C-alpha atoms as a PDB file:
ATOM      1  CA  UNK A   1       0.000   0.000   0.000  1.00  0.00           C
ATOM      2  CA  UNK A   2       1.549   3.261  -1.125  1.00  0.00           C
ATOM      3  CA  UNK A   3       0.637   6.794  -0.231  1.00  0.00           C
ATOM      4  CA  UNK A   4       1.510   9.720   1.934  1.00  0.00           C
ATOM      5  CA  UNK A   5       0.296  10.685   5.376  1.00  0.00           C
ATOM      6  CA  UNK A   6      -1.460  14.015   5.317  1.00  0.00           C
ATOM      7  CA  UNK A   7      -3.276  15.451   8.328  1.00  0.00           C
ATOM      8  CA  UNK A   8      -6.812  16.776   8.004  1.00  0.00           C
ATOM      9  CA  UNK A   9      -5.553  20.258   8.916  1.00  0.00           C
ATOM     10  CA  UNK A  10      -2.097  21.698   9.485  1.00  0.00           C
ATOM     11  CA  UNK A  11      -0.312  25.027   9.790  1.00  0.00           C
ATOM     12  CA  UNK A  12       3.071  25.735   8.261  1.00  0.00           C
ATOM     13  CA  UNK A  13       4.576  29.159   8.988  1.00  0.00           C
ATOM     14  CA  UNK A  14       6.392  31.292   6.435  1.00  0.00           C
ATOM     15  CA  UNK A  15       4.984  29.588   3.359  1.00  0.00           C
ATOM     16  CA  UNK A  16       3.776  32.070   0.734  1.00  0.00           C
ATOM     17  CA  UNK A  17       0.191  31.652  -0.493  1.00  0.00           C
ATOM     18  CA  UNK A  18       1.421  31.688  -4.103  1.00  0.00           C
ATOM     19  CA  UNK A  19       3.934  29.449  -5.802  1.00  0.00           C
ATOM     20  CA  UNK A  20       5.405  30.601  -9.145  1.00  0.00           C
ATOM     21  CA  UNK A  21       2.696  33.273  -9.368  1.00  0.00           C
ATOM     22  CA  UNK A  22      -0.151  30.780  -8.920  1.00  0.00           C
ATOM     23  CA  UNK A  23      -2.314  30.256  -5.837  1.00  0.00           C
ATOM     24  CA  UNK A  24      -0.932  27.157  -4.212  1.00  0.00           C
ATOM     25  CA  UNK A  25      -3.273  24.166  -4.191  1.00  0.00           C
ATOM     26  CA  UNK A  26      -1.038  21.876  -2.170  1.00  0.00           C
ATOM     27  CA  UNK A  27       1.912  21.700   0.167  1.00  0.00           C
ATOM     28  CA  UNK A  28       4.628  19.103  -0.293  1.00  0.00           C
ATOM     29  CA  UNK A  29       6.960  18.772   2.682  1.00  0.00           C
ATOM     30  CA  UNK A  30       9.726  17.099   0.676  1.00  0.00           C
ATOM     31  CA  UNK A  31       9.859  20.154  -1.640  1.00  0.00           C
ATOM     32  CA  UNK A  32       9.201  22.936   0.863  1.00  0.00           C
ATOM     33  CA  UNK A  33      11.337  21.515   3.702  1.00  0.00           C
ATOM     34  CA  UNK A  34       9.367  23.422   6.352  1.00  0.00           C
ATOM     35  CA  UNK A  35       7.686  21.233   8.967  1.00  0.00           C
ATOM     36  CA  UNK A  36       4.168  22.139  10.107  1.00  0.00           C
ATOM     37  CA  UNK A  37       3.995  23.558  13.642  1.00  0.00           C
ATOM     38  CA  UNK A  38       0.655  21.939  14.322  1.00  0.00           C
ATOM     39  CA  UNK A  39      -1.352  19.138  12.701  1.00  0.00           C
ATOM     40  CA  UNK A  40      -4.923  18.127  13.481  1.00  0.00           C
ATOM     41  CA  UNK A  41      -6.763  14.924  12.739  1.00  0.00           C
ATOM     42  CA  UNK A  42     -10.558  14.728  12.867  1.00  0.00           C
ATOM     43  CA  UNK A  43     -11.195  11.138  13.903  1.00  0.00           C
ATOM     44  CA  UNK A  44     -14.402   9.631  12.600  1.00  0.00           C
ATOM     45  CA  UNK A  45     -14.122   6.761  15.066  1.00  0.00           C
ATOM     46  CA  UNK A  46     -12.429   6.404  18.422  1.00  0.00           C
ATOM     47  CA  UNK A  47      -9.082   7.837  17.276  1.00  0.00           C
ATOM     48  CA  UNK A  48      -7.340   4.461  17.163  1.00  0.00           C
ATOM     49  CA  UNK A  49      -6.003   5.100  13.643  1.00  0.00           C
ATOM     50  CA  UNK A  50      -4.769   8.560  14.657  1.00  0.00           C
ATOM     51  CA  UNK A  51      -2.965   7.116  17.722  1.00  0.00           C
ATOM     52  CA  UNK A  52      -1.344   4.257  15.798  1.00  0.00           C
ATOM     53  CA  UNK A  53       2.344   4.071  16.794  1.00  0.00           C
ATOM     54  CA  UNK A  54       3.227   1.193  14.453  1.00  0.00           C
ATOM     55  CA  UNK A  55       6.750   1.892  13.159  1.00  0.00           C
ATOM     56  CA  UNK A  56       7.796   1.532   9.546  1.00  0.00           C
ATOM     57  CA  UNK A  57       9.123  -2.014   9.226  1.00  0.00           C
ATOM     58  CA  UNK A  58       9.377  -5.046   6.986  1.00  0.00           C
ATOM     59  CA  UNK A  59       7.461  -8.262   7.645  1.00  0.00           C
ATOM     60  CA  UNK A  60       9.213 -11.671   7.686  1.00  0.00           C
ATOM     61  CA  UNK A  61       7.790 -12.135   4.168  1.00  0.00           C
ATOM     62  CA  UNK A  62       9.626  -8.986   3.012  1.00  0.00           C
ATOM     63  CA  UNK A  63       6.547  -6.773   2.774  1.00  0.00           C
ATOM     64  CA  UNK A  64       6.667  -3.207   4.029  1.00  0.00           C
ATOM     65  CA  UNK A  65       4.413  -2.672   7.037  1.00  0.00           C
ATOM     66  CA  UNK A  66       2.665   0.669   6.790  1.00  0.00           C
ATOM     67  CA  UNK A  67       3.525   2.918   9.734  1.00  0.00           C
ATOM     68  CA  UNK A  68       0.842   4.514  11.893  1.00  0.00           C
ATOM     69  CA  UNK A  69      -0.021   8.211  11.672  1.00  0.00           C
ATOM     70  CA  UNK A  70       1.110   8.966  15.204  1.00  0.00           C
ATOM     71  CA  UNK A  71       4.508   7.363  14.529  1.00  0.00           C
ATOM     72  CA  UNK A  72       4.942   9.201  11.205  1.00  0.00           C
ATOM     73  CA  UNK A  73       4.123  12.607  12.706  1.00  0.00           C
ATOM     74  CA  UNK A  74       6.300  11.965  15.773  1.00  0.00           C
ATOM     75  CA  UNK A  75       9.304  10.126  14.314  1.00  0.00           C
ATOM     76  CA  UNK A  76       9.491  11.127  10.638  1.00  0.00           C
ATOM     77  CA  UNK A  77       7.914  14.562  10.189  1.00  0.00           C
ATOM     78  CA  UNK A  78       8.474  15.631  13.810  1.00  0.00           C
ATOM     79  CA  UNK A  79       5.476  17.967  13.993  1.00  0.00           C
ATOM     80  CA  UNK A  80       5.787  19.898  17.298  1.00  0.00           C
ATOM     81  CA  UNK A  81       2.028  19.818  18.112  1.00  0.00           C
ATOM     82  CA  UNK A  82      -0.392  17.065  17.122  1.00  0.00           C
ATOM     83  CA  UNK A  83      -4.099  17.182  17.939  1.00  0.00           C
ATOM     84  CA  UNK A  84      -6.685  14.435  17.666  1.00  0.00           C
ATOM     85  CA  UNK A  85     -10.332  15.478  17.752  1.00  0.00           C
ATOM     86  CA  UNK A  86     -12.764  12.601  18.206  1.00  0.00           C
ATOM     87  CA  UNK A  87     -15.837  14.264  16.733  1.00  0.00           C
ATOM     88  CA  UNK A  88     -18.406  11.669  17.860  1.00  0.00           C
ATOM     89  CA  UNK A  89     -16.942  11.412  21.370  1.00  0.00           C
ATOM     90  CA  UNK A  90     -16.547  15.204  21.647  1.00  0.00           C
ATOM     91  CA  UNK A  91     -12.979  14.732  22.846  1.00  0.00           C
ATOM     92  CA  UNK A  92      -9.791  16.631  21.990  1.00  0.00           C
ATOM     93  CA  UNK A  93      -6.261  15.489  22.793  1.00  0.00           C
ATOM     94  CA  UNK A  94      -3.145  17.508  22.017  1.00  0.00           C
ATOM     95  CA  UNK A  95       0.394  16.175  22.062  1.00  0.00           C
ATOM     96  CA  UNK A  96       3.651  18.136  22.183  1.00  0.00           C
ATOM     97  CA  UNK A  97       6.902  16.756  20.838  1.00  0.00           C
ATOM     98  CA  UNK A  98       9.404  16.637  23.704  1.00  0.00           C
ATOM     99  CA  UNK A  99      12.740  15.472  22.358  1.00  0.00           C
ATOM    100  CA  UNK A 100      11.892  12.437  20.246  1.00  0.00           C
ATOM    101  CA  UNK A 101       8.466  11.538  21.682  1.00  0.00           C
ATOM    102  CA  UNK A 102       5.044  13.093  22.014  1.00  0.00           C
ATOM    103  CA  UNK A 103       3.816  13.967  25.493  1.00  0.00           C
ATOM    104  CA  UNK A 104       0.073  14.329  25.996  1.00  0.00           C
ATOM    105  CA  UNK A 105      -0.723  17.878  27.141  1.00  0.00           C
ATOM    106  CA  UNK A 106      -3.156  18.724  29.903  1.00  0.00           C
ATOM    107  CA  UNK A 107      -5.698  21.452  29.148  1.00  0.00           C
ATOM    108  CA  UNK A 108      -5.398  24.761  30.994  1.00  0.00           C
ATOM    109  CA  UNK A 109      -8.058  26.149  33.361  1.00  0.00           C
ATOM    110  CA  UNK A 110     -10.164  27.162  30.318  1.00  0.00           C
ATOM    111  CA  UNK A 111     -10.017  23.649  28.870  1.00  0.00           C
ATOM    112  CA  UNK A 112      -7.711  24.823  26.064  1.00  0.00           C
ATOM    113  CA  UNK A 113      -4.299  23.674  24.907  1.00  0.00           C
ATOM    114  CA  UNK A 114      -1.537  26.243  24.409  1.00  0.00           C
ATOM    115  CA  UNK A 115       0.293  26.169  21.081  1.00  0.00           C
ATOM    116  CA  UNK A 116       3.127  28.262  22.450  1.00  0.00           C
ATOM    117  CA  UNK A 117       5.080  29.139  19.260  1.00  0.00           C
ATOM    118  CA  UNK A 118       1.905  30.649  17.787  1.00  0.00           C
ATOM    119  CA  UNK A 119       0.703  32.348  20.981  1.00  0.00           C
ATOM    120  CA  UNK A 120      -2.719  30.719  20.633  1.00  0.00           C
ATOM    121  CA  UNK A 121      -4.821  28.085  22.340  1.00  0.00           C
ATOM    122  CA  UNK A 122      -7.016  25.438  20.770  1.00  0.00           C
ATOM    123  CA  UNK A 123     -10.107  23.943  22.343  1.00  0.00           C
ATOM    124  CA  UNK A 124     -13.734  22.984  21.917  1.00  0.00           C
ATOM    125  CA  UNK A 125     -16.458  25.613  21.615  1.00  0.00           C
ATOM    126  CA  UNK A 126     -20.212  25.077  21.636  1.00  0.00           C
ATOM    127  CA  UNK A 127     -21.951  27.469  19.297  1.00  0.00           C
ATOM    128  CA  UNK A 128     -23.466  28.234  15.934  1.00  0.00           C
ATOM    129  CA  UNK A 129     -21.440  28.442  12.737  1.00  0.00           C
ATOM    130  CA  UNK A 130     -22.736  27.990   9.181  1.00  0.00           C
ATOM    131  CA  UNK A 131     -26.223  27.480  10.648  1.00  0.00           C
ATOM    132  CA  UNK A 132     -24.979  24.471  12.619  1.00  0.00           C
ATOM    133  CA  UNK A 133     -25.184  24.638  16.407  1.00  0.00           C
ATOM    134  CA  UNK A 134     -22.707  22.091  17.681  1.00  0.00           C
ATOM    135  CA  UNK A 135     -19.298  21.590  19.251  1.00  0.00           C
ATOM    136  CA  UNK A 136     -16.530  23.134  17.147  1.00  0.00           C
ATOM    137  CA  UNK A 137     -12.756  23.124  17.292  1.00  0.00           C
ATOM    138  CA  UNK A 138     -11.768  26.796  17.774  1.00  0.00           C
ATOM    139  CA  UNK A 139      -8.781  29.023  18.443  1.00  0.00           C
ATOM    140  CA  UNK A 140      -8.277  31.574  21.233  1.00  0.00           C
ATOM    141  CA  UNK A 141      -5.484  34.020  21.937  1.00  0.00           C
ATOM    142  CA  UNK A 142      -3.216  33.267  24.897  1.00  0.00           C
ATOM    143  CA  UNK A 143      -5.444  35.404  27.172  1.00  0.00           C
ATOM    144  CA  UNK A 144      -8.467  33.226  26.372  1.00  0.00           C
ATOM    145  CA  UNK A 145     -10.215  35.564  23.897  1.00  0.00           C
ATOM    146  CA  UNK A 146     -11.962  33.676  21.107  1.00  0.00           C
ATOM    147  CA  UNK A 147     -10.405  34.432  17.714  1.00  0.00           C
ATOM    148  CA  UNK A 148     -13.276  35.521  15.534  1.00  0.00           C
ATOM    149  CA  UNK A 149     -13.918  34.365  12.004  1.00  0.00           C
ATOM    150  CA  UNK A 150     -15.442  36.336   9.102  1.00  0.00           C
ATOM    151  CA  UNK A 151     -19.117  36.714   9.985  1.00  0.00           C
ATOM    152  CA  UNK A 152     -18.411  36.923  13.712  1.00  0.00           C
ATOM    153  CA  UNK A 153     -16.130  39.921  13.131  1.00  0.00           C
ATOM    154  CA  UNK A 154     -18.807  41.665  11.072  1.00  0.00           C
ATOM    155  CA  UNK A 155     -21.464  41.037  13.736  1.00  0.00           C
ATOM    156  CA  UNK A 156     -19.138  42.292  16.484  1.00  0.00           C
ATOM    157  CA  UNK A 157     -18.300  45.453  14.520  1.00  0.00           C
ATOM    158  CA  UNK A 158     -22.025  46.038  13.964  1.00  0.00           C
ATOM    159  CA  UNK A 159     -22.693  45.632  17.689  1.00  0.00           C
ATOM    160  CA  UNK A 160     -19.864  48.032  18.537  1.00  0.00           C
ATOM    161  CA  UNK A 161     -21.181  50.622  16.086  1.00  0.00           C
ATOM    162  CA  UNK A 162     -24.685  50.254  17.532  1.00  0.00           C
ATOM    163  CA  UNK A 163     -23.366  50.664  21.100  1.00  0.00           C
ATOM    164  CA  UNK A 164     -21.379  53.737  20.078  1.00  0.00           C
ATOM    165  CA  UNK A 165     -24.476  55.229  18.427  1.00  0.00           C
ATOM    166  CA  UNK A 166     -26.513  54.490  21.566  1.00  0.00           C
ATOM    167  CA  UNK A 167     -23.891  56.181  23.793  1.00  0.00           C
ATOM    168  CA  UNK A 168     -23.888  59.231  21.526  1.00  0.00           C
ATOM    169  CA  UNK A 169     -27.695  59.453  21.664  1.00  0.00           C
ATOM    170  CA  UNK A 170     -27.673  59.089  25.465  1.00  0.00           C
ATOM    171  CA  UNK A 171     -25.051  61.848  25.774  1.00  0.00           C
ATOM    172  CA  UNK A 172     -27.141  64.087  23.519  1.00  0.00           C
ATOM    173  CA  UNK A 173     -30.272  63.436  25.617  1.00  0.00           C
ATOM    174  CA  UNK A 174     -28.342  64.135  28.828  1.00  0.00           C
ATOM    175  CA  UNK A 175     -27.059  67.430  27.393  1.00  0.00           C
ATOM    176  CA  UNK A 176     -30.615  68.393  26.375  1.00  0.00           C
ATOM    177  CA  UNK A 177     -31.931  67.653  29.915  1.00  0.00           C
ATOM    178  CA  UNK A 178     -29.109  69.691  31.449  1.00  0.00           C
ATOM    179  CA  UNK A 179     -29.876  72.584  29.083  1.00  0.00           C
ATOM    180  CA  UNK A 180     -33.552  72.458  30.159  1.00  0.00           C
ATOM    181  CA  UNK A 181     -32.554  72.633  33.844  1.00  0.00           C
ATOM    182  CA  UNK A 182     -30.311  75.612  33.139  1.00  0.00           C
ATOM    183  CA  UNK A 183     -33.143  77.376  31.280  1.00  0.00           C
ATOM    184  CA  UNK A 184     -35.486  76.665  34.228  1.00  0.00           C
ATOM    185  CA  UNK A 185     -32.923  78.443  36.436  1.00  0.00           C
ATOM    186  CA  UNK A 186     -32.902  81.423  34.062  1.00  0.00           C
ATOM    187  CA  UNK A 187     -29.569  80.591  32.479  1.00  0.00           C
ATOM    188  CA  UNK A 188     -29.212  80.472  28.719  1.00  0.00           C
ATOM    189  CA  UNK A 189     -27.058  77.392  27.973  1.00  0.00           C
ATOM    190  CA  UNK A 190     -26.437  78.666  24.447  1.00  0.00           C
ATOM    191  CA  UNK A 191     -24.948  81.965  25.613  1.00  0.00           C
ATOM    192  CA  UNK A 192     -21.220  82.313  24.954  1.00  0.00           C
ATOM    193  CA  UNK A 193     -20.422  83.739  28.399  1.00  0.00           C
ATOM    194  CA  UNK A 194     -22.483  82.042  31.105  1.00  0.00           C
ATOM    195  CA  UNK A 195     -20.429  83.385  34.059  1.00  0.00           C
END
């Protein structure tokens, strides 16, 4: 069985979005020679395939034994952070390469895993995206602020603009009430010299 291991999602820093003037459609490690910082697998089952540590070897019959994903990412590619998200079990595990072996990370107090070189955390988030309310894999900054995606940014900016408009209207109403009180006291608030 031939083929290459490719994670469901990965991030490689410092790789331009275009290659020879064309938008890149793929990333080939053997050509680029830049290892991903983080790789994620979305397990459809219990994650057994994603945790497979079978090393590359040859059977007594001379056949190559396909190595497991975990072993390839840990021993061959040496990806610093490897995450396995068991979608059905709603479970996320993140491993960090320490020397030559992965160590399973413990989540922080927010239930997130720090990806230190990127200054971000990854974790599970319950919410609505693309009209689907479910558990999602999401990113946060290192202070625990959710990193917003397209529509969320637009909604937040709209809310901020609405709040700013509301504050301006409230300030205008307050100024009008104050002006009325001054007029009731016989003071013209529009006069240049009130004193």
